[in-house]
Amino acid sequence: MAFHEIRFPANLSFGSVGGPERRTEVVTLANGFEERNTPWAHSRRRYDAGVGLRSLDDVETLIAFFEARAGQLHGFRWKDWSDYKSCPASRSLSPLDQLIGTGDGVATVFALQKTYASGLESYVRPILKPVVGSVLVAVSDDQKIESLEFAVNYQTGAITFVVAPEVGTRITAGFEFDVPVRFDTDGIQTSVASFQAGDVPTVPVVEIRL
């Protein structure tokens, strides 16, 4: 299997349903109390690619994309329209959006990440598939220039500085990103008659670990 650095057509993913899921193991004790644990450090996202289909041309595009990925075999990029950038949906990207590290005078490589905070708790999500040309980086609020002062690996989300940031400096970034996914089925069933009547096929898509 391989990962294809191609995005599922964004116009077809628009309107799709889906989002993050967690796996929690719950054991109810004899006294009625519960013990809860999770084997997952990170959430996993699921979507339905069929919801965005609006015409028979869309169905043809979907089938071509599905065949080129050999069903479940190869991964690809997916734009989650409800969560695709480092800042709130109503704001524009800023190099100060997300803290991705602190300089120690030695390290030159930092990984993109997005923090989800609520109250005193937070979750840090690794960002592995930034969108080409969207990454903005700053060191202690001083914006840096891509290809001159830093480089981005758009396949892994790694930021590499030409010169290691000084001790104590805040490394921040703003970016758009895709979700690495695969089809969660090896078959797509469509019907011209039912599609024209308003029905669409169910095409499950699931996030993959890389």
N, C-alpha and C. Protein backbone atom coordinates (compact mmCIF):
# COMPACT_ATOMS: atom_id res chain seq x y z
N MET A 1 0.84 -1.19 0.00
CA MET A 1 0.00 0.00 0.00
C MET A 1 0.88 1.24 0.00
N ALA A 2 0.31 2.37 -0.37
CA ALA A 2 1.06 3.62 -0.43
C ALA A 2 0.13 4.76 -0.08
N PHE A 3 0.71 5.93 0.11
CA PHE A 3 -0.10 7.11 0.31
C PHE A 3 0.05 8.00 -0.90
N HIS A 4 -1.07 8.35 -1.53
CA HIS A 4 -1.06 9.20 -2.70
C HIS A 4 -1.25 10.65 -2.27
N GLU A 5 -0.30 11.49 -2.61
CA GLU A 5 -0.37 12.91 -2.22
C GLU A 5 -1.32 13.66 -3.15
N ILE A 6 -2.56 13.27 -3.07
CA ILE A 6 -3.61 13.90 -3.86
C ILE A 6 -4.83 14.07 -2.97
N ARG A 7 -5.53 15.19 -3.14
CA ARG A 7 -6.70 15.47 -2.31
C ARG A 7 -7.97 15.00 -3.01
N PHE A 8 -8.84 14.35 -2.24
CA PHE A 8 -10.17 14.03 -2.73
C PHE A 8 -10.82 15.34 -3.16
N PRO A 9 -11.50 15.36 -4.33
CA PRO A 9 -12.06 16.62 -4.83
C PRO A 9 -12.81 17.39 -3.74
N ALA A 10 -12.34 18.61 -3.46
CA ALA A 10 -12.88 19.40 -2.35
C ALA A 10 -14.35 19.74 -2.56
N ASN A 11 -14.78 19.88 -3.81
CA ASN A 11 -16.18 20.20 -4.05
C ASN A 11 -17.09 19.03 -3.70
N LEU A 12 -16.53 17.81 -3.71
CA LEU A 12 -17.32 16.65 -3.34
C LEU A 12 -17.30 16.40 -1.83
N SER A 13 -16.21 16.77 -1.17
CA SER A 13 -16.17 16.59 0.29
C SER A 13 -16.97 17.67 1.01
N PHE A 14 -17.22 18.79 0.32
CA PHE A 14 -18.04 19.86 0.91
C PHE A 14 -19.46 19.34 1.14
N GLY A 15 -19.94 19.46 2.35
CA GLY A 15 -21.27 18.96 2.66
C GLY A 15 -21.27 17.56 3.23
N SER A 16 -20.11 16.91 3.25
CA SER A 16 -20.03 15.56 3.80
C SER A 16 -20.22 15.61 5.31
N VAL A 17 -20.61 14.49 5.87
CA VAL A 17 -20.79 14.39 7.32
C VAL A 17 -19.64 13.57 7.91
N GLY A 18 -19.29 13.86 9.15
CA GLY A 18 -18.22 13.11 9.79
C GLY A 18 -17.52 13.93 10.84
N GLY A 19 -16.53 13.33 11.48
CA GLY A 19 -15.78 14.01 12.51
C GLY A 19 -15.00 13.03 13.34
N PRO A 20 -14.45 13.49 14.48
CA PRO A 20 -13.58 12.63 15.29
C PRO A 20 -14.34 11.59 16.09
N GLU A 21 -13.68 10.46 16.31
CA GLU A 21 -14.20 9.43 17.21
C GLU A 21 -13.09 9.01 18.16
N ARG A 22 -13.49 8.55 19.33
CA ARG A 22 -12.58 8.04 20.33
C ARG A 22 -12.95 6.60 20.68
N ARG A 23 -12.01 5.87 21.23
CA ARG A 23 -12.31 4.52 21.71
C ARG A 23 -12.10 4.50 23.22
N THR A 24 -13.18 4.30 23.96
CA THR A 24 -13.13 4.29 25.41
C THR A 24 -13.64 2.95 25.92
N GLU A 25 -12.84 2.31 26.75
CA GLU A 25 -13.24 1.05 27.37
C GLU A 25 -13.82 1.35 28.75
N VAL A 26 -15.08 0.98 28.95
CA VAL A 26 -15.78 1.27 30.20
C VAL A 26 -16.11 -0.03 30.92
N VAL A 27 -15.66 -0.14 32.16
CA VAL A 27 -15.96 -1.30 33.00
C VAL A 27 -16.77 -0.84 34.20
N THR A 28 -17.96 -1.39 34.36
CA THR A 28 -18.79 -1.06 35.51
C THR A 28 -18.50 -2.05 36.64
N LEU A 29 -18.09 -1.53 37.77
CA LEU A 29 -17.74 -2.36 38.91
C LEU A 29 -18.99 -2.80 39.67
N ALA A 30 -18.81 -3.74 40.58
CA ALA A 30 -19.94 -4.29 41.33
C ALA A 30 -20.63 -3.22 42.17
N ASN A 31 -19.88 -2.21 42.60
CA ASN A 31 -20.47 -1.16 43.42
C ASN A 31 -21.12 -0.05 42.59
N GLY A 32 -21.12 -0.22 41.26
CA GLY A 32 -21.77 0.76 40.40
C GLY A 32 -20.85 1.84 39.86
N PHE A 33 -19.65 1.94 40.44
CA PHE A 33 -18.68 2.89 39.92
C PHE A 33 -18.09 2.35 38.61
N GLU A 34 -17.51 3.25 37.84
CA GLU A 34 -16.93 2.87 36.56
C GLU A 34 -15.41 3.08 36.55
N GLU A 35 -14.76 2.25 35.76
CA GLU A 35 -13.36 2.49 35.39
C GLU A 35 -13.32 2.69 33.89
N ARG A 36 -12.71 3.80 33.46
CA ARG A 36 -12.67 4.13 32.03
C ARG A 36 -11.22 4.29 31.58
N ASN A 37 -10.93 3.74 30.43
CA ASN A 37 -9.58 3.82 29.89
C ASN A 37 -9.67 3.86 28.37
N THR A 38 -8.60 4.36 27.75
CA THR A 38 -8.57 4.39 26.28
C THR A 38 -7.23 3.91 25.77
N PRO A 39 -7.22 3.05 24.75
CA PRO A 39 -5.97 2.61 24.14
C PRO A 39 -5.46 3.60 23.09
N TRP A 40 -6.26 4.64 22.79
CA TRP A 40 -5.90 5.59 21.74
C TRP A 40 -5.39 6.89 22.34
N ALA A 41 -4.20 7.30 21.92
CA ALA A 41 -3.68 8.61 22.32
C ALA A 41 -4.31 9.71 21.48
N HIS A 42 -4.71 9.37 20.26
CA HIS A 42 -5.27 10.36 19.33
C HIS A 42 -6.63 9.90 18.82
N SER A 43 -7.47 10.85 18.52
CA SER A 43 -8.77 10.54 17.93
C SER A 43 -8.59 10.10 16.49
N ARG A 44 -9.64 9.52 15.94
CA ARG A 44 -9.63 9.07 14.54
C ARG A 44 -10.91 9.59 13.90
N ARG A 45 -10.78 10.12 12.69
CA ARG A 45 -11.93 10.74 12.05
C ARG A 45 -12.54 9.84 10.98
N ARG A 46 -13.85 9.92 10.86
CA ARG A 46 -14.59 9.19 9.83
C ARG A 46 -15.50 10.16 9.09
N TYR A 47 -15.71 9.88 7.82
CA TYR A 47 -16.55 10.74 6.98
C TYR A 47 -17.36 9.88 6.02
N ASP A 48 -18.38 10.49 5.43
CA ASP A 48 -19.15 9.86 4.37
C ASP A 48 -19.01 10.70 3.11
N ALA A 49 -18.24 10.20 2.15
CA ALA A 49 -17.97 10.95 0.92
C ALA A 49 -19.16 10.99 -0.02
N GLY A 50 -20.17 10.16 0.23
CA GLY A 50 -21.30 10.12 -0.68
C GLY A 50 -22.25 11.29 -0.55
N VAL A 51 -22.24 11.93 0.62
CA VAL A 51 -23.21 13.01 0.88
C VAL A 51 -23.00 14.21 -0.03
N GLY A 52 -21.74 14.44 -0.45
CA GLY A 52 -21.45 15.61 -1.27
C GLY A 52 -21.77 15.45 -2.75
N LEU A 53 -22.22 14.27 -3.16
CA LEU A 53 -22.53 14.04 -4.57
C LEU A 53 -23.83 14.73 -4.96
N ARG A 54 -23.78 15.50 -6.06
CA ARG A 54 -24.96 16.27 -6.46
C ARG A 54 -25.39 16.01 -7.90
N SER A 55 -24.56 15.30 -8.66
CA SER A 55 -24.91 15.03 -10.05
C SER A 55 -24.25 13.74 -10.48
N LEU A 56 -24.64 13.24 -11.65
CA LEU A 56 -24.02 12.03 -12.17
C LEU A 56 -22.56 12.26 -12.55
N ASP A 57 -22.22 13.50 -12.89
CA ASP A 57 -20.81 13.83 -13.14
C ASP A 57 -19.99 13.65 -11.86
N ASP A 58 -20.59 14.02 -10.73
CA ASP A 58 -19.91 13.82 -9.44
C ASP A 58 -19.67 12.34 -9.18
N VAL A 59 -20.66 11.51 -9.51
CA VAL A 59 -20.52 10.06 -9.33
C VAL A 59 -19.38 9.53 -10.18
N GLU A 60 -19.28 10.01 -11.41
CA GLU A 60 -18.20 9.58 -12.29
C GLU A 60 -16.84 9.98 -11.74
N THR A 61 -16.75 11.21 -11.20
CA THR A 61 -15.51 11.67 -10.59
C THR A 61 -15.14 10.81 -9.40
N LEU A 62 -16.13 10.49 -8.57
CA LEU A 62 -15.90 9.64 -7.40
C LEU A 62 -15.38 8.27 -7.81
N ILE A 63 -16.00 7.66 -8.80
CA ILE A 63 -15.60 6.32 -9.22
C ILE A 63 -14.18 6.33 -9.78
N ALA A 64 -13.85 7.36 -10.55
CA ALA A 64 -12.49 7.47 -11.08
C ALA A 64 -11.47 7.59 -9.95
N PHE A 65 -11.79 8.39 -8.95
CA PHE A 65 -10.88 8.56 -7.80
C PHE A 65 -10.76 7.26 -7.02
N PHE A 66 -11.87 6.59 -6.82
CA PHE A 66 -11.91 5.32 -6.09
C PHE A 66 -11.07 4.26 -6.80
N GLU A 67 -11.23 4.16 -8.11
CA GLU A 67 -10.48 3.16 -8.88
C GLU A 67 -8.98 3.47 -8.87
N ALA A 68 -8.62 4.74 -8.95
CA ALA A 68 -7.20 5.12 -8.95
C ALA A 68 -6.54 4.83 -7.61
N ARG A 69 -7.33 4.79 -6.54
CA ARG A 69 -6.80 4.46 -5.20
C ARG A 69 -6.89 2.96 -4.93
N ALA A 70 -7.45 2.21 -5.86
CA ALA A 70 -7.64 0.76 -5.71
C ALA A 70 -8.45 0.44 -4.45
N GLY A 71 -9.55 1.15 -4.29
CA GLY A 71 -10.41 0.91 -3.13
C GLY A 71 -9.73 1.33 -1.84
N GLN A 72 -9.61 0.39 -0.91
CA GLN A 72 -9.03 0.68 0.39
C GLN A 72 -7.50 0.68 0.39
N LEU A 73 -6.89 0.30 -0.73
CA LEU A 73 -5.45 0.03 -0.74
C LEU A 73 -4.58 1.25 -0.46
N HIS A 74 -4.87 2.37 -1.12
CA HIS A 74 -4.00 3.54 -1.02
C HIS A 74 -4.68 4.71 -0.30
N GLY A 75 -3.91 5.39 0.53
CA GLY A 75 -4.42 6.54 1.24
C GLY A 75 -4.40 7.79 0.37
N PHE A 76 -5.07 8.84 0.85
CA PHE A 76 -5.13 10.11 0.12
C PHE A 76 -5.48 11.23 1.08
N ARG A 77 -5.46 12.45 0.60
CA ARG A 77 -5.79 13.62 1.43
C ARG A 77 -7.29 13.91 1.37
N TRP A 78 -7.78 14.43 2.48
CA TRP A 78 -9.20 14.78 2.59
C TRP A 78 -9.32 16.14 3.26
N LYS A 79 -10.11 17.03 2.70
CA LYS A 79 -10.36 18.32 3.34
C LYS A 79 -11.59 18.22 4.22
N ASP A 80 -11.38 18.39 5.52
CA ASP A 80 -12.48 18.41 6.47
C ASP A 80 -12.93 19.87 6.59
N TRP A 81 -14.03 20.20 5.94
CA TRP A 81 -14.47 21.59 5.87
C TRP A 81 -14.82 22.17 7.23
N SER A 82 -15.04 21.34 8.22
CA SER A 82 -15.37 21.85 9.55
C SER A 82 -14.12 22.07 10.40
N ASP A 83 -12.96 21.63 9.91
CA ASP A 83 -11.73 21.76 10.70
C ASP A 83 -10.53 21.56 9.77
N TYR A 84 -10.11 22.66 9.11
CA TYR A 84 -9.04 22.51 8.14
C TYR A 84 -7.94 23.57 8.26
N LYS A 85 -7.98 24.38 9.31
CA LYS A 85 -6.92 25.36 9.47
C LYS A 85 -6.60 25.60 10.93
N SER A 86 -5.50 26.30 11.16
CA SER A 86 -4.94 26.45 12.50
C SER A 86 -5.68 27.47 13.36
N CYS A 87 -6.59 28.20 12.78
CA CYS A 87 -7.33 29.23 13.50
C CYS A 87 -8.82 28.97 13.37
N PRO A 88 -9.67 29.70 14.11
CA PRO A 88 -11.11 29.56 13.94
C PRO A 88 -11.54 29.82 12.51
N ALA A 89 -12.64 29.21 12.10
CA ALA A 89 -13.11 29.31 10.72
C ALA A 89 -13.32 30.74 10.26
N SER A 90 -13.70 31.63 11.17
CA SER A 90 -14.01 33.01 10.80
C SER A 90 -12.77 33.89 10.66
N ARG A 91 -11.61 33.38 11.02
CA ARG A 91 -10.39 34.18 11.00
C ARG A 91 -9.46 33.78 9.86
N SER A 92 -8.53 34.68 9.53
CA SER A 92 -7.50 34.38 8.53
C SER A 92 -6.27 33.82 9.24
N LEU A 93 -5.49 33.05 8.49
CA LEU A 93 -4.29 32.44 9.05
C LEU A 93 -3.32 33.50 9.56
N SER A 94 -2.62 33.16 10.63
CA SER A 94 -1.59 34.02 11.19
C SER A 94 -0.42 33.13 11.61
N PRO A 95 0.81 33.61 11.50
CA PRO A 95 1.94 32.81 11.95
C PRO A 95 1.97 32.61 13.46
N LEU A 96 1.05 33.26 14.18
CA LEU A 96 1.00 33.14 15.64
C LEU A 96 -0.11 32.20 16.11
N ASP A 97 -0.76 31.53 15.19
CA ASP A 97 -1.93 30.71 15.53
C ASP A 97 -1.65 29.62 16.55
N GLN A 98 -0.62 28.81 16.31
CA GLN A 98 -0.38 27.62 17.13
C GLN A 98 1.06 27.57 17.62
N LEU A 99 1.24 27.26 18.89
CA LEU A 99 2.57 27.04 19.44
C LEU A 99 3.03 25.64 19.05
N ILE A 100 4.17 25.53 18.38
CA ILE A 100 4.65 24.20 17.97
C ILE A 100 5.97 23.82 18.64
N GLY A 101 6.52 24.70 19.48
CA GLY A 101 7.73 24.35 20.18
C GLY A 101 8.42 25.54 20.82
N THR A 102 9.49 25.24 21.54
CA THR A 102 10.30 26.27 22.18
C THR A 102 11.76 26.03 21.81
N GLY A 103 12.44 27.07 21.38
CA GLY A 103 13.82 26.94 20.95
C GLY A 103 14.75 26.55 22.09
N ASP A 104 15.78 25.73 21.77
CA ASP A 104 16.79 25.37 22.75
C ASP A 104 18.21 25.67 22.25
N GLY A 105 18.28 26.35 21.09
CA GLY A 105 19.57 26.69 20.52
C GLY A 105 20.23 25.58 19.74
N VAL A 106 19.60 24.38 19.75
CA VAL A 106 20.18 23.22 19.06
C VAL A 106 19.21 22.64 18.03
N ALA A 107 17.97 22.39 18.44
CA ALA A 107 16.98 21.76 17.56
C ALA A 107 16.63 22.67 16.39
N THR A 108 16.56 22.09 15.21
CA THR A 108 16.16 22.84 14.01
C THR A 108 14.86 22.32 13.41
N VAL A 109 14.38 21.16 13.89
CA VAL A 109 13.18 20.55 13.31
C VAL A 109 12.05 20.57 14.34
N PHE A 110 10.89 21.06 13.92
CA PHE A 110 9.70 21.11 14.78
C PHE A 110 8.51 20.59 13.99
N ALA A 111 7.62 19.89 14.67
CA ALA A 111 6.46 19.29 14.01
C ALA A 111 5.24 20.18 14.15
N LEU A 112 4.49 20.33 13.07
CA LEU A 112 3.24 21.09 13.13
C LEU A 112 2.24 20.37 14.03
N GLN A 113 1.47 21.13 14.77
CA GLN A 113 0.45 20.56 15.63
C GLN A 113 -0.63 21.60 15.88
N LYS A 114 -1.79 21.10 16.27
CA LYS A 114 -2.91 21.98 16.59
C LYS A 114 -3.44 21.60 17.96
N THR A 115 -3.63 22.60 18.83
CA THR A 115 -4.11 22.36 20.19
C THR A 115 -5.59 22.68 20.30
N TYR A 116 -6.35 21.75 20.86
CA TYR A 116 -7.77 21.93 21.12
C TYR A 116 -7.93 22.07 22.63
N ALA A 117 -8.36 23.22 23.09
CA ALA A 117 -8.46 23.49 24.52
C ALA A 117 -9.89 23.75 24.94
N SER A 118 -10.23 23.24 26.12
CA SER A 118 -11.55 23.49 26.72
C SER A 118 -11.36 23.47 28.23
N GLY A 119 -11.62 24.60 28.87
CA GLY A 119 -11.37 24.70 30.29
C GLY A 119 -9.89 24.53 30.58
N LEU A 120 -9.57 23.68 31.52
CA LEU A 120 -8.18 23.45 31.88
C LEU A 120 -7.55 22.29 31.11
N GLU A 121 -8.35 21.62 30.28
CA GLU A 121 -7.85 20.46 29.54
C GLU A 121 -7.58 20.82 28.08
N SER A 122 -6.67 20.06 27.47
CA SER A 122 -6.36 20.31 26.06
C SER A 122 -5.88 19.02 25.40
N TYR A 123 -5.98 19.00 24.09
CA TYR A 123 -5.51 17.87 23.28
C TYR A 123 -4.66 18.43 22.16
N VAL A 124 -3.47 17.85 21.97
CA VAL A 124 -2.56 18.30 20.93
C VAL A 124 -2.59 17.30 19.78
N ARG A 125 -3.02 17.76 18.63
CA ARG A 125 -3.17 16.91 17.44
C ARG A 125 -2.00 17.09 16.49
N PRO A 126 -1.30 16.03 16.14
CA PRO A 126 -0.23 16.14 15.14
C PRO A 126 -0.83 16.49 13.77
N ILE A 127 -0.19 17.40 13.06
CA ILE A 127 -0.63 17.77 11.72
C ILE A 127 0.41 17.25 10.73
N LEU A 128 0.01 16.25 9.95
CA LEU A 128 0.96 15.55 9.07
C LEU A 128 0.84 15.96 7.60
N LYS A 129 -0.28 16.57 7.24
CA LYS A 129 -0.51 16.90 5.83
C LYS A 129 -0.90 18.36 5.65
N PRO A 130 0.04 19.29 5.89
CA PRO A 130 -0.26 20.70 5.63
C PRO A 130 -0.48 20.94 4.15
N VAL A 131 -1.25 21.96 3.83
CA VAL A 131 -1.52 22.30 2.44
C VAL A 131 -0.36 23.12 1.89
N VAL A 132 0.11 22.74 0.72
CA VAL A 132 1.26 23.41 0.10
C VAL A 132 1.02 24.91 -0.04
N GLY A 133 2.00 25.69 0.42
CA GLY A 133 1.92 27.14 0.29
C GLY A 133 1.16 27.85 1.38
N SER A 134 0.60 27.09 2.33
CA SER A 134 -0.24 27.73 3.35
C SER A 134 0.48 28.00 4.67
N VAL A 135 1.67 27.42 4.85
CA VAL A 135 2.33 27.45 6.16
C VAL A 135 3.04 28.78 6.43
N LEU A 136 2.69 29.40 7.56
CA LEU A 136 3.32 30.63 8.03
C LEU A 136 4.01 30.31 9.35
N VAL A 137 5.24 30.79 9.53
CA VAL A 137 6.01 30.46 10.74
C VAL A 137 6.60 31.72 11.34
N ALA A 138 6.63 31.76 12.67
CA ALA A 138 7.25 32.89 13.38
C ALA A 138 8.07 32.37 14.55
N VAL A 139 9.13 33.09 14.88
CA VAL A 139 9.94 32.81 16.06
C VAL A 139 9.88 34.04 16.96
N SER A 140 9.31 33.87 18.14
CA SER A 140 9.09 35.00 19.06
C SER A 140 8.40 36.16 18.35
N ASP A 141 7.31 35.83 17.62
CA ASP A 141 6.45 36.80 16.93
C ASP A 141 7.10 37.42 15.69
N ASP A 142 8.29 36.99 15.34
CA ASP A 142 8.98 37.50 14.14
C ASP A 142 8.76 36.51 13.00
N GLN A 143 7.95 36.91 12.00
CA GLN A 143 7.63 35.99 10.92
C GLN A 143 8.85 35.68 10.08
N LYS A 144 9.00 34.40 9.73
CA LYS A 144 10.13 33.93 8.95
C LYS A 144 9.71 33.68 7.50
N ILE A 145 10.69 33.58 6.62
CA ILE A 145 10.44 33.43 5.19
C ILE A 145 10.72 31.99 4.75
N GLU A 146 9.70 31.36 4.19
CA GLU A 146 9.87 29.99 3.72
C GLU A 146 10.90 29.92 2.59
N SER A 147 11.66 28.84 2.57
CA SER A 147 12.73 28.54 1.61
C SER A 147 13.99 29.37 1.85
N LEU A 148 13.87 30.47 2.62
CA LEU A 148 15.04 31.25 2.96
C LEU A 148 15.48 30.99 4.40
N GLU A 149 14.50 30.99 5.32
CA GLU A 149 14.81 30.77 6.73
C GLU A 149 14.29 29.45 7.27
N PHE A 150 13.37 28.83 6.57
CA PHE A 150 12.87 27.52 6.98
C PHE A 150 12.30 26.79 5.78
N ALA A 151 12.16 25.47 5.93
CA ALA A 151 11.58 24.64 4.88
C ALA A 151 10.46 23.81 5.49
N VAL A 152 9.49 23.45 4.67
CA VAL A 152 8.35 22.65 5.13
C VAL A 152 8.33 21.33 4.37
N ASN A 153 8.21 20.24 5.10
CA ASN A 153 7.97 18.94 4.47
C ASN A 153 6.45 18.76 4.43
N TYR A 154 5.87 18.94 3.26
CA TYR A 154 4.42 18.91 3.15
C TYR A 154 3.86 17.49 3.18
N GLN A 155 4.72 16.49 3.26
CA GLN A 155 4.27 15.11 3.39
C GLN A 155 4.27 14.62 4.84
N THR A 156 4.99 15.33 5.72
CA THR A 156 5.07 14.90 7.11
C THR A 156 4.70 15.99 8.12
N GLY A 157 4.66 17.25 7.69
CA GLY A 157 4.36 18.34 8.60
C GLY A 157 5.54 18.83 9.41
N ALA A 158 6.76 18.48 9.00
CA ALA A 158 7.96 18.90 9.72
C ALA A 158 8.45 20.25 9.21
N ILE A 159 8.80 21.14 10.15
CA ILE A 159 9.39 22.44 9.84
C ILE A 159 10.87 22.38 10.18
N THR A 160 11.73 22.72 9.21
CA THR A 160 13.18 22.69 9.44
C THR A 160 13.75 24.09 9.26
N PHE A 161 14.36 24.62 10.30
CA PHE A 161 14.96 25.94 10.25
C PHE A 161 16.41 25.85 9.75
N VAL A 162 16.83 26.88 9.04
CA VAL A 162 18.23 26.95 8.59
C VAL A 162 19.14 27.16 9.79
N VAL A 163 18.71 28.00 10.73
CA VAL A 163 19.45 28.27 11.96
C VAL A 163 18.56 27.91 13.14
N ALA A 164 19.10 27.16 14.09
CA ALA A 164 18.33 26.74 15.26
C ALA A 164 17.81 27.94 16.04
N PRO A 165 16.52 27.98 16.36
CA PRO A 165 15.98 29.08 17.18
C PRO A 165 16.68 29.15 18.54
N GLU A 166 16.86 30.35 19.04
CA GLU A 166 17.58 30.54 20.30
C GLU A 166 16.80 29.99 21.49
N VAL A 167 17.52 29.78 22.57
CA VAL A 167 16.94 29.24 23.80
C VAL A 167 15.78 30.11 24.28
N GLY A 168 14.65 29.45 24.56
CA GLY A 168 13.50 30.15 25.12
C GLY A 168 12.59 30.83 24.12
N THR A 169 12.95 30.83 22.84
CA THR A 169 12.09 31.48 21.84
C THR A 169 10.86 30.62 21.54
N ARG A 170 9.72 31.27 21.32
CA ARG A 170 8.47 30.58 21.01
C ARG A 170 8.37 30.35 19.51
N ILE A 171 8.16 29.10 19.11
CA ILE A 171 8.00 28.76 17.70
C ILE A 171 6.51 28.60 17.44
N THR A 172 5.95 29.42 16.57
CA THR A 172 4.52 29.36 16.27
C THR A 172 4.29 29.21 14.77
N ALA A 173 3.09 28.78 14.42
CA ALA A 173 2.79 28.56 13.00
C ALA A 173 1.30 28.70 12.73
N GLY A 174 0.99 29.07 11.51
CA GLY A 174 -0.38 29.07 11.01
C GLY A 174 -0.40 28.27 9.72
N PHE A 175 -1.48 27.57 9.44
CA PHE A 175 -1.49 26.66 8.29
C PHE A 175 -2.89 26.14 8.00
N GLU A 176 -3.07 25.68 6.78
CA GLU A 176 -4.22 24.84 6.43
C GLU A 176 -3.71 23.41 6.35
N PHE A 177 -4.61 22.45 6.54
CA PHE A 177 -4.16 21.06 6.53
C PHE A 177 -5.25 20.12 6.04
N ASP A 178 -4.81 18.98 5.56
CA ASP A 178 -5.71 17.90 5.15
C ASP A 178 -5.61 16.75 6.14
N VAL A 179 -6.56 15.83 6.06
CA VAL A 179 -6.56 14.64 6.89
C VAL A 179 -6.12 13.45 6.03
N PRO A 180 -5.15 12.64 6.49
CA PRO A 180 -4.78 11.44 5.72
C PRO A 180 -5.84 10.36 5.92
N VAL A 181 -6.44 9.89 4.84
CA VAL A 181 -7.55 8.94 4.93
C VAL A 181 -7.40 7.84 3.88
N ARG A 182 -8.32 6.89 3.96
CA ARG A 182 -8.50 5.89 2.91
C ARG A 182 -9.99 5.59 2.82
N PHE A 183 -10.41 4.97 1.73
CA PHE A 183 -11.79 4.51 1.65
C PHE A 183 -11.95 3.35 2.64
N ASP A 184 -13.09 3.29 3.28
CA ASP A 184 -13.36 2.22 4.24
C ASP A 184 -14.30 1.19 3.64
N THR A 185 -14.20 1.01 2.35
CA THR A 185 -14.99 0.01 1.64
C THR A 185 -14.27 -0.35 0.36
N ASP A 186 -14.49 -1.55 -0.13
CA ASP A 186 -13.93 -1.95 -1.42
C ASP A 186 -14.99 -1.99 -2.50
N GLY A 187 -16.16 -1.46 -2.20
CA GLY A 187 -17.22 -1.44 -3.19
C GLY A 187 -18.08 -0.19 -3.10
N ILE A 188 -18.48 0.34 -4.25
CA ILE A 188 -19.39 1.48 -4.31
C ILE A 188 -20.57 1.08 -5.19
N GLN A 189 -21.77 1.19 -4.64
CA GLN A 189 -22.97 0.82 -5.38
C GLN A 189 -23.75 2.08 -5.75
N THR A 190 -23.96 2.26 -7.03
CA THR A 190 -24.71 3.43 -7.49
C THR A 190 -25.83 2.98 -8.43
N SER A 191 -26.84 3.80 -8.53
CA SER A 191 -27.96 3.55 -9.43
C SER A 191 -28.38 4.87 -10.04
N VAL A 192 -28.41 4.93 -11.36
CA VAL A 192 -28.82 6.17 -12.01
C VAL A 192 -30.23 6.55 -11.59
N ALA A 193 -31.12 5.57 -11.56
CA ALA A 193 -32.52 5.86 -11.22
C ALA A 193 -32.65 6.39 -9.80
N SER A 194 -32.01 5.71 -8.85
CA SER A 194 -32.15 6.13 -7.46
C SER A 194 -31.43 7.45 -7.20
N PHE A 195 -30.31 7.68 -7.90
CA PHE A 195 -29.58 8.93 -7.70
C PHE A 195 -30.42 10.11 -8.18
N GLN A 196 -31.07 9.96 -9.33
CA GLN A 196 -31.91 11.03 -9.85
C GLN A 196 -33.12 11.28 -8.95
N ALA A 197 -33.47 10.26 -8.17
CA ALA A 197 -34.59 10.41 -7.26
C ALA A 197 -34.18 11.07 -5.94
N GLY A 198 -32.90 11.34 -5.80
CA GLY A 198 -32.44 12.03 -4.61
C GLY A 198 -31.59 11.20 -3.68
N ASP A 199 -31.41 9.91 -3.94
CA ASP A 199 -30.59 9.06 -3.10
C ASP A 199 -29.13 9.14 -3.52
N VAL A 200 -28.22 9.00 -2.59
CA VAL A 200 -26.80 8.99 -2.90
C VAL A 200 -26.17 7.78 -2.24
N PRO A 201 -25.10 7.26 -2.82
CA PRO A 201 -24.45 6.09 -2.23
C PRO A 201 -23.72 6.46 -0.94
N THR A 202 -23.57 5.48 -0.07
CA THR A 202 -22.77 5.67 1.13
C THR A 202 -21.33 5.30 0.81
N VAL A 203 -20.41 6.24 1.02
CA VAL A 203 -19.00 6.01 0.70
C VAL A 203 -18.18 6.35 1.95
N PRO A 204 -17.97 5.38 2.82
CA PRO A 204 -17.24 5.66 4.07
C PRO A 204 -15.76 5.91 3.84
N VAL A 205 -15.23 6.90 4.56
CA VAL A 205 -13.81 7.26 4.52
C VAL A 205 -13.32 7.32 5.95
N VAL A 206 -12.12 6.79 6.21
CA VAL A 206 -11.61 6.75 7.57
C VAL A 206 -10.17 7.26 7.62
N GLU A 207 -9.84 7.98 8.69
CA GLU A 207 -8.49 8.50 8.87
C GLU A 207 -7.51 7.35 9.11
N ILE A 208 -6.28 7.50 8.60
CA ILE A 208 -5.25 6.47 8.78
C ILE A 208 -4.09 7.02 9.59
N ARG A 209 -3.39 6.13 10.29
CA ARG A 209 -2.20 6.49 11.03
C ARG A 209 -1.01 6.42 10.09
N LEU A 210 -0.15 7.41 10.18
CA LEU A 210 1.04 7.43 9.33
C LEU A 210 2.30 7.50 10.20
